[in-house]
Amino acid sequence: MRIEKCWFCSSNVYPGHGIMFVRNDCKMFRFCRTKCHKHFKMKHNPRKMKWTKAYRRAAGKELQLDSTFNFEKKRLTPTRYNRNLMVKTIRAMQIVNRIREVRKERFNKQRLAVQIRKRQTSAQKEVLKNAKLLEGPSKTTALAYEREIAAATKVKSKAKVKSKVQVITKTGGGEMDVED
């Protein structure tokens, strides 16, 4: 018994479930439900359907390259049953699943952090431009926000300057520039 993947949406197809389509050239396509089968027959591209795994990977919403995906590949060589081997395999699968979950969580946090930075509201941008025109408590918060952003940009600019330090060493009458 093997858990297959749907050709269209990449979800699991358990034994006894789904539809299998065999083309004239003997290529087999498994589908988890009729929705996927109908889209396949209508020659729709899975990378353009927002609910498929292919779309999520192409749009950068899920991990694409990760070493844990190598464990999901099909292995067609049958192995003789060995209890110790099965126990080790199940333990390894659990460890790989934990690693995969941690990596997914880290990836999603980084992806969402980028989106939050991009979503700086137009009001905040407007306040930065005209902070001196405000009065009352909003002026103090606007000026504090302006100082905070100025400090952050200073730190970034210092980091850039440090990375472009040039080391000049003299060798035999000529000069040689080396960048780190």
Protein backbone atom coordinates (compact mmCIF):
# COMPACT_ATOMS: atom_id res chain seq x y z
CA MET A 1 0.00 0.00 0.00
CA ARG A 2 1.35 3.35 -1.03
CA ILE A 3 0.08 6.90 -0.55
CA GLU A 4 0.29 8.54 -3.97
CA LYS A 5 0.31 12.25 -4.83
CA CYS A 6 -2.38 13.91 -6.92
CA TRP A 7 -0.91 14.94 -10.27
CA PHE A 8 -2.77 18.26 -10.32
CA CYS A 9 -2.84 19.59 -6.75
CA SER A 10 -0.14 17.43 -5.07
CA SER A 11 -2.36 16.34 -2.19
CA ASN A 12 -2.32 12.79 -0.86
CA VAL A 13 -4.30 10.04 -2.62
CA TYR A 14 -4.88 7.13 -0.26
CA PRO A 15 -5.41 3.55 -1.48
CA GLY A 16 -8.94 3.02 -2.79
CA HIS A 17 -9.56 6.75 -3.26
CA GLY A 18 -9.35 9.12 -6.17
CA ILE A 19 -9.29 8.58 -9.92
CA MET A 20 -6.53 7.11 -12.06
CA PHE A 21 -6.30 8.14 -15.71
CA VAL A 22 -4.04 6.09 -18.01
CA ARG A 23 -3.06 7.80 -21.23
CA ASN A 24 -2.44 5.94 -24.54
CA ASP A 25 1.31 6.03 -23.94
CA CYS A 26 0.78 4.18 -20.63
CA LYS A 27 1.52 7.23 -18.47
CA MET A 28 -0.58 7.14 -15.30
CA PHE A 29 -2.12 10.23 -13.71
CA ARG A 30 -3.67 10.02 -10.25
CA PHE A 31 -6.19 12.57 -9.03
CA CYS A 32 -7.49 13.04 -5.50
CA ARG A 33 -10.98 14.20 -6.55
CA THR A 34 -13.08 14.99 -9.60
CA LYS A 35 -12.20 18.70 -9.36
CA CYS A 36 -8.56 17.92 -10.18
CA HIS A 37 -9.55 15.43 -12.89
CA LYS A 38 -11.84 17.96 -14.61
CA HIS A 39 -9.19 20.69 -14.56
CA PHE A 40 -6.71 18.21 -16.06
CA LYS A 41 -9.14 17.29 -18.84
CA MET A 42 -9.70 21.00 -19.57
CA LYS A 43 -5.89 21.33 -19.89
CA HIS A 44 -5.62 23.92 -17.12
CA ASN A 45 -2.20 24.78 -15.78
CA PRO A 46 -1.84 23.86 -12.07
CA ARG A 47 0.63 26.74 -11.59
CA LYS A 48 -2.17 29.20 -12.39
CA MET A 49 -4.75 27.73 -10.00
CA LYS A 50 -4.34 29.44 -6.62
CA TRP A 51 -5.44 26.40 -4.59
CA THR A 52 -2.73 24.04 -5.88
CA LYS A 53 0.65 23.30 -4.36
CA ALA A 54 2.36 24.18 -7.65
CA TYR A 55 0.93 27.72 -7.52
CA ARG A 56 2.02 28.21 -3.92
CA ARG A 57 5.57 27.13 -4.75
CA ALA A 58 5.74 29.22 -7.93
CA ALA A 59 4.43 32.30 -6.09
CA GLY A 60 7.01 31.87 -3.29
CA LYS A 61 4.44 31.08 -0.60
CA GLU A 62 5.97 27.71 0.28
CA LEU A 63 9.43 26.23 0.51
CA GLN A 64 10.79 25.11 -2.85
CA LEU A 65 14.20 23.64 -2.19
CA ASP A 66 14.69 21.78 1.05
CA SER A 67 16.64 18.65 1.82
CA THR A 68 13.64 17.16 3.67
CA PHE A 69 11.74 16.84 0.38
CA ASN A 70 14.19 14.16 -0.78
CA PHE A 71 12.63 11.73 1.70
CA GLU A 72 9.24 11.91 -0.07
CA LYS A 73 10.53 10.51 -3.35
CA LYS A 74 9.30 7.15 -4.62
CA ARG A 75 11.52 4.17 -4.12
CA LEU A 76 10.66 1.32 -6.41
CA THR A 77 13.05 -1.25 -5.01
CA PRO A 78 11.23 -3.55 -2.58
CA THR A 79 13.04 -4.34 0.64
CA ARG A 80 12.63 -7.38 2.81
CA TYR A 81 10.77 -6.77 6.06
CA ASN A 82 13.08 -6.14 9.00
CA ARG A 83 11.62 -4.98 12.30
CA ASN A 84 14.69 -2.98 13.36
CA LEU A 85 14.80 -1.25 9.99
CA MET A 86 11.09 -0.34 10.24
CA VAL A 87 11.53 1.10 13.74
CA LYS A 88 14.50 3.19 12.60
CA THR A 89 12.59 4.33 9.53
CA ILE A 90 9.59 5.47 11.56
CA ARG A 91 11.82 7.36 14.00
CA ALA A 92 13.64 9.02 11.11
CA MET A 93 10.30 10.00 9.54
CA GLN A 94 9.20 11.66 12.78
CA ILE A 95 12.48 13.58 13.06
CA VAL A 96 12.25 14.71 9.43
CA ASN A 97 8.65 15.87 9.98
CA ARG A 98 9.70 17.93 13.01
CA ILE A 99 12.56 19.50 11.05
CA ARG A 100 10.22 20.24 8.14
CA GLU A 101 7.65 21.91 10.41
CA VAL A 102 10.31 24.12 12.03
CA ARG A 103 11.66 25.15 8.63
CA LYS A 104 8.16 25.89 7.31
CA GLU A 105 7.40 28.03 10.34
CA ARG A 106 10.68 29.94 9.96
CA PHE A 107 10.06 30.44 6.23
CA ASN A 108 6.53 31.75 6.85
CA LYS A 109 7.73 34.16 9.55
CA GLN A 110 10.36 35.58 7.21
CA ARG A 111 7.87 35.85 4.35
CA LEU A 112 5.31 37.64 6.53
CA ALA A 113 7.94 39.96 8.02
CA VAL A 114 8.79 41.19 4.52
CA GLN A 115 5.10 41.85 3.83
CA ILE A 116 4.69 43.77 7.10
CA ARG A 117 7.64 45.99 6.25
CA LYS A 118 6.14 46.68 2.83
CA ARG A 119 2.79 47.61 4.35
CA GLN A 120 4.00 50.80 5.97
CA THR A 121 0.88 52.89 5.79
CA SER A 122 0.63 56.06 3.80
CA ALA A 123 -0.23 57.90 7.02
CA GLN A 124 3.14 56.96 8.55
CA LYS A 125 4.93 58.10 5.41
CA GLU A 126 3.00 61.37 5.48
CA VAL A 127 3.86 61.88 9.15
CA LEU A 128 7.55 61.40 8.39
CA LYS A 129 7.43 64.09 5.70
CA ASN A 130 5.47 66.65 7.76
CA ALA A 131 6.17 65.81 11.43
CA LYS A 132 6.99 69.42 12.28
CA LEU A 133 3.48 70.60 11.31
CA LEU A 134 1.73 68.43 13.90
CA GLU A 135 0.76 69.67 17.38
CA GLY A 136 0.07 67.98 20.71
CA PRO A 137 0.80 64.36 21.68
CA SER A 138 0.74 63.18 18.07
CA LYS A 139 3.71 65.44 17.36
CA THR A 140 5.83 63.78 20.04
CA THR A 141 4.99 60.28 18.77
CA ALA A 142 5.71 61.35 15.19
CA LEU A 143 9.08 62.83 16.15
CA ALA A 144 9.97 59.70 18.17
CA TYR A 145 9.05 57.56 15.16
CA GLU A 146 11.19 59.78 12.92
CA ARG A 147 14.19 59.46 15.28
CA GLU A 148 13.70 55.67 15.40
CA ILE A 149 13.78 55.39 11.59
CA ALA A 150 16.79 57.72 11.37
CA ALA A 151 18.68 55.53 13.87
CA ALA A 152 17.80 52.40 11.91
CA THR A 153 19.07 53.91 8.65
CA LYS A 154 22.31 54.99 10.35
CA VAL A 155 22.93 51.42 11.54
CA LYS A 156 22.28 50.09 8.04
CA SER A 157 24.61 52.62 6.43
CA LYS A 158 27.40 51.83 8.94
CA ALA A 159 27.06 48.13 8.15
CA LYS A 160 27.40 48.85 4.43
CA VAL A 161 30.50 50.99 4.99
CA LYS A 162 32.16 48.29 7.11
CA SER A 163 31.57 45.66 4.44
CA LYS A 164 33.31 47.76 1.78
CA VAL A 165 36.52 48.29 3.69
CA GLN A 166 39.52 48.20 1.40
CA VAL A 167 42.80 46.80 2.55
CA ILE A 168 45.79 48.27 0.78
CA THR A 169 49.02 46.33 0.93
CA LYS A 170 52.27 47.31 -0.75
CA THR A 171 54.07 44.66 -2.71
CA GLY A 172 57.32 45.33 -4.51
CA GLY A 173 56.78 48.95 -5.52
CA GLY A 174 53.11 48.61 -6.71
CA GLU A 175 49.86 48.92 -4.86
CA MET A 176 47.21 46.24 -4.70
CA ASP A 177 43.58 46.85 -3.68
CA VAL A 178 41.80 43.96 -2.01
CA GLU A 179 38.10 44.06 -1.07
CA ASP A 180 36.73 41.81 1.65
